[in-house]
C-alpha cells in the first residue's frame, strides 16, 4: 500500500513524462509537421479504417484535407494521445 505522498509523486512523475514526451514529439517532428493517414495510424497504433470511422463520427484527433488527401498534424496526434 502506498502512502498519499507516494501517490502524489507518481502523479507528478506521470505528468512530467507526458510533458517530456510531447516536447520530444514536437522537436522531433518540427521539420515535418504533417503526416498522412497511414503514418498517423502507425503513430496511434490504430488501423486506417479505425481513423476513417473516427473521422466520420467526429471522434479522434483533429484532421485536415490537403486537396483530396486527409492529413494530420503530428502535434495534434500527440496531444490527442496524451489526453
N, C-alpha and C. Protein backbone atom coordinates (compact mmCIF):
# COMPACT_ATOMS: atom_id res chain seq x y z
N UNK A 1 0.84 -1.18 0.00
CA UNK A 1 0.00 0.00 0.00
C UNK A 1 0.89 1.24 0.00
N UNK A 2 0.58 2.15 -0.89
CA UNK A 2 1.38 3.37 -1.00
C UNK A 2 0.76 4.48 -0.17
N UNK A 3 1.63 5.35 0.27
CA UNK A 3 1.15 6.49 1.04
C UNK A 3 0.63 7.56 0.08
N UNK A 4 -0.14 8.52 0.60
CA UNK A 4 -0.61 9.62 -0.25
C UNK A 4 0.53 10.41 -0.89
N UNK A 5 1.63 10.52 -0.18
CA UNK A 5 2.80 11.23 -0.73
C UNK A 5 3.34 10.47 -1.93
N UNK A 6 3.45 9.15 -1.81
CA UNK A 6 3.94 8.34 -2.93
C UNK A 6 2.99 8.41 -4.12
N UNK A 7 1.69 8.40 -3.85
CA UNK A 7 0.71 8.53 -4.93
C UNK A 7 0.86 9.86 -5.64
N UNK A 8 1.05 10.91 -4.87
CA UNK A 8 1.19 12.25 -5.46
C UNK A 8 2.47 12.33 -6.29
N UNK A 9 3.57 11.73 -5.79
CA UNK A 9 4.81 11.72 -6.55
C UNK A 9 4.63 10.98 -7.87
N UNK A 10 3.90 9.89 -7.84
CA UNK A 10 3.65 9.13 -9.05
C UNK A 10 2.85 9.97 -10.06
N UNK A 11 1.85 10.70 -9.59
CA UNK A 11 1.07 11.57 -10.47
C UNK A 11 1.94 12.64 -11.10
N UNK A 12 2.80 13.24 -10.31
CA UNK A 12 3.70 14.29 -10.80
C UNK A 12 4.66 13.71 -11.83
N UNK A 13 5.22 12.54 -11.54
CA UNK A 13 6.14 11.90 -12.48
C UNK A 13 5.45 11.57 -13.79
N UNK A 14 4.21 11.09 -13.73
CA UNK A 14 3.47 10.77 -14.95
C UNK A 14 3.21 12.03 -15.78
N UNK A 15 2.84 13.11 -15.12
CA UNK A 15 2.60 14.37 -15.84
C UNK A 15 3.89 14.88 -16.48
N UNK A 16 5.00 14.77 -15.75
CA UNK A 16 6.28 15.20 -16.29
C UNK A 16 6.66 14.34 -17.50
N UNK A 17 6.43 13.04 -17.41
CA UNK A 17 6.74 12.14 -18.52
C UNK A 17 5.91 12.49 -19.74
N UNK A 18 4.64 12.83 -19.53
CA UNK A 18 3.78 13.23 -20.64
C UNK A 18 4.28 14.53 -21.27
N UNK A 19 4.66 15.49 -20.45
CA UNK A 19 5.17 16.75 -20.97
C UNK A 19 6.45 16.54 -21.76
N UNK A 20 7.34 15.70 -21.24
CA UNK A 20 8.59 15.42 -21.93
C UNK A 20 8.31 14.73 -23.26
N UNK A 21 7.39 13.77 -23.25
CA UNK A 21 7.04 13.06 -24.49
C UNK A 21 6.50 14.04 -25.52
N UNK A 22 5.66 14.96 -25.08
CA UNK A 22 5.09 15.95 -26.00
C UNK A 22 6.18 16.86 -26.56
N UNK A 23 7.08 17.32 -25.71
CA UNK A 23 8.16 18.19 -26.17
C UNK A 23 9.08 17.47 -27.16
N UNK A 24 9.37 16.20 -26.89
CA UNK A 24 10.19 15.42 -27.81
C UNK A 24 9.51 15.26 -29.15
N UNK A 25 8.21 14.98 -29.11
CA UNK A 25 7.46 14.80 -30.35
C UNK A 25 7.47 16.08 -31.17
N UNK A 26 7.28 17.20 -30.50
CA UNK A 26 7.28 18.48 -31.21
C UNK A 26 8.65 18.75 -31.80
N UNK A 27 9.69 18.54 -31.02
CA UNK A 27 11.04 18.79 -31.51
C UNK A 27 11.40 17.83 -32.65
N UNK A 28 11.04 16.57 -32.48
CA UNK A 28 11.38 15.55 -33.48
C UNK A 28 10.68 15.80 -34.81
N UNK A 29 9.45 16.29 -34.76
CA UNK A 29 8.67 16.42 -35.98
C UNK A 29 8.48 17.86 -36.42
N UNK A 30 9.27 18.76 -35.88
CA UNK A 30 9.12 20.16 -36.24
C UNK A 30 9.35 20.38 -37.73
N UNK A 31 10.30 19.63 -38.29
CA UNK A 31 10.62 19.79 -39.71
C UNK A 31 9.50 19.25 -40.60
N UNK A 32 8.82 18.20 -40.16
CA UNK A 32 7.73 17.59 -40.93
C UNK A 32 6.47 17.57 -40.07
N UNK A 33 5.75 18.68 -40.02
CA UNK A 33 4.62 18.77 -39.09
C UNK A 33 3.38 17.98 -39.49
N UNK A 34 3.27 17.56 -40.73
CA UNK A 34 2.07 16.87 -41.21
C UNK A 34 2.38 15.43 -41.56
N UNK A 35 1.37 14.57 -41.44
CA UNK A 35 1.53 13.19 -41.90
C UNK A 35 0.20 12.71 -42.49
N UNK A 36 0.31 11.70 -43.32
CA UNK A 36 -0.87 11.12 -43.96
C UNK A 36 -1.48 10.04 -43.06
N UNK A 37 -2.61 9.52 -43.48
CA UNK A 37 -3.38 8.57 -42.67
C UNK A 37 -2.55 7.35 -42.28
N UNK A 38 -1.79 6.80 -43.20
CA UNK A 38 -1.02 5.58 -42.89
C UNK A 38 -0.06 5.82 -41.73
N UNK A 39 0.68 6.91 -41.79
CA UNK A 39 1.62 7.20 -40.71
C UNK A 39 0.89 7.57 -39.41
N UNK A 40 -0.19 8.29 -39.52
CA UNK A 40 -0.98 8.63 -38.32
C UNK A 40 -1.49 7.37 -37.64
N UNK A 41 -1.92 6.40 -38.45
CA UNK A 41 -2.41 5.15 -37.87
C UNK A 41 -1.28 4.39 -37.16
N UNK A 42 -0.07 4.47 -37.69
CA UNK A 42 1.07 3.83 -37.04
C UNK A 42 1.41 4.53 -35.73
N UNK A 43 1.37 5.85 -35.73
CA UNK A 43 1.67 6.61 -34.51
C UNK A 43 0.66 6.28 -33.42
N UNK A 44 -0.62 6.19 -33.80
CA UNK A 44 -1.68 5.95 -32.82
C UNK A 44 -1.86 4.46 -32.50
N UNK A 45 -1.30 3.61 -33.32
CA UNK A 45 -1.47 2.17 -33.09
C UNK A 45 -2.86 1.69 -33.46
N UNK A 46 -3.48 2.36 -34.41
CA UNK A 46 -4.83 2.00 -34.87
C UNK A 46 -4.78 1.81 -36.39
N UNK A 47 -5.77 1.12 -36.93
CA UNK A 47 -5.80 0.90 -38.37
C UNK A 47 -6.31 2.14 -39.09
N UNK A 48 -5.97 2.29 -40.37
CA UNK A 48 -6.52 3.40 -41.15
C UNK A 48 -8.05 3.39 -41.18
N UNK A 49 -8.65 2.20 -41.16
CA UNK A 49 -10.11 2.09 -41.15
C UNK A 49 -10.68 2.68 -39.86
N UNK A 50 -9.99 2.42 -38.74
CA UNK A 50 -10.43 2.99 -37.46
C UNK A 50 -10.39 4.51 -37.52
N UNK A 51 -9.32 5.07 -38.10
CA UNK A 51 -9.24 6.53 -38.22
C UNK A 51 -10.36 7.06 -39.10
N UNK A 52 -10.69 6.32 -40.16
CA UNK A 52 -11.80 6.74 -41.03
C UNK A 52 -13.12 6.75 -40.25
N UNK A 53 -13.33 5.73 -39.46
CA UNK A 53 -14.56 5.66 -38.65
C UNK A 53 -14.60 6.81 -37.65
N UNK A 54 -13.46 7.08 -37.03
CA UNK A 54 -13.40 8.18 -36.07
C UNK A 54 -13.73 9.51 -36.74
N UNK A 55 -13.17 9.73 -37.93
CA UNK A 55 -13.44 10.99 -38.65
C UNK A 55 -14.92 11.14 -38.95
N UNK A 56 -15.54 10.06 -39.41
CA UNK A 56 -16.96 10.15 -39.78
C UNK A 56 -17.86 10.31 -38.56
N UNK A 57 -17.39 9.87 -37.39
CA UNK A 57 -18.21 10.01 -36.18
C UNK A 57 -17.84 11.23 -35.34
N UNK A 58 -16.82 11.99 -35.78
CA UNK A 58 -16.42 13.18 -35.04
C UNK A 58 -15.53 12.90 -33.84
N UNK A 59 -14.99 11.70 -33.78
CA UNK A 59 -14.11 11.30 -32.68
C UNK A 59 -12.67 11.33 -33.17
N UNK A 60 -11.74 11.30 -32.25
CA UNK A 60 -10.33 11.20 -32.61
C UNK A 60 -9.64 12.54 -32.76
N UNK A 61 -8.39 12.51 -33.18
CA UNK A 61 -7.61 13.74 -33.32
C UNK A 61 -8.11 14.59 -34.49
N UNK A 62 -7.77 15.87 -34.42
CA UNK A 62 -8.14 16.79 -35.49
C UNK A 62 -7.46 16.37 -36.79
N UNK A 63 -8.16 16.56 -37.90
CA UNK A 63 -7.62 16.22 -39.21
C UNK A 63 -7.96 17.33 -40.19
N UNK A 64 -7.27 17.33 -41.30
CA UNK A 64 -7.45 18.36 -42.32
C UNK A 64 -7.40 17.71 -43.69
N UNK A 65 -7.87 18.43 -44.68
CA UNK A 65 -7.77 17.95 -46.06
C UNK A 65 -6.72 18.77 -46.79
N UNK A 66 -5.86 18.07 -47.51
CA UNK A 66 -4.87 18.70 -48.38
C UNK A 66 -5.22 18.23 -49.79
N UNK A 67 -6.00 19.03 -50.48
CA UNK A 67 -6.55 18.56 -51.75
C UNK A 67 -7.56 17.47 -51.46
N UNK A 68 -7.31 16.28 -51.99
CA UNK A 68 -8.22 15.16 -51.74
C UNK A 68 -7.69 14.23 -50.65
N UNK A 69 -6.53 14.54 -50.08
CA UNK A 69 -5.92 13.67 -49.08
C UNK A 69 -6.17 14.17 -47.67
N UNK A 70 -6.36 13.23 -46.77
CA UNK A 70 -6.51 13.53 -45.35
C UNK A 70 -5.13 13.62 -44.73
N UNK A 71 -4.90 14.66 -43.95
CA UNK A 71 -3.62 14.81 -43.25
C UNK A 71 -3.88 15.14 -41.78
N UNK A 72 -2.90 14.80 -40.97
CA UNK A 72 -2.95 15.09 -39.54
C UNK A 72 -1.71 15.87 -39.15
N UNK A 73 -1.86 16.82 -38.25
CA UNK A 73 -0.70 17.47 -37.64
C UNK A 73 -0.15 16.54 -36.59
N UNK A 74 1.13 16.33 -36.62
CA UNK A 74 1.75 15.42 -35.65
C UNK A 74 1.48 15.88 -34.22
N UNK A 75 1.55 17.19 -33.99
CA UNK A 75 1.30 17.68 -32.64
C UNK A 75 -0.13 17.39 -32.20
N UNK A 76 -1.10 17.43 -33.14
CA UNK A 76 -2.48 17.09 -32.81
C UNK A 76 -2.59 15.62 -32.40
N UNK A 77 -1.85 14.75 -33.08
CA UNK A 77 -1.88 13.33 -32.74
C UNK A 77 -1.36 13.11 -31.33
N UNK A 78 -0.23 13.72 -31.01
CA UNK A 78 0.34 13.53 -29.68
C UNK A 78 -0.49 14.19 -28.61
N UNK A 79 -1.06 15.35 -28.89
CA UNK A 79 -1.95 16.00 -27.91
C UNK A 79 -3.15 15.11 -27.63
N UNK A 80 -3.70 14.53 -28.68
CA UNK A 80 -4.87 13.67 -28.51
C UNK A 80 -4.51 12.42 -27.70
N UNK A 81 -3.34 11.84 -27.97
CA UNK A 81 -2.93 10.65 -27.23
C UNK A 81 -2.72 10.95 -25.74
N UNK A 82 -2.19 12.13 -25.46
CA UNK A 82 -1.91 12.48 -24.07
C UNK A 82 -3.14 12.99 -23.33
N UNK A 83 -4.22 13.14 -24.05
CA UNK A 83 -5.46 13.42 -23.37
C UNK A 83 -5.90 14.82 -23.37
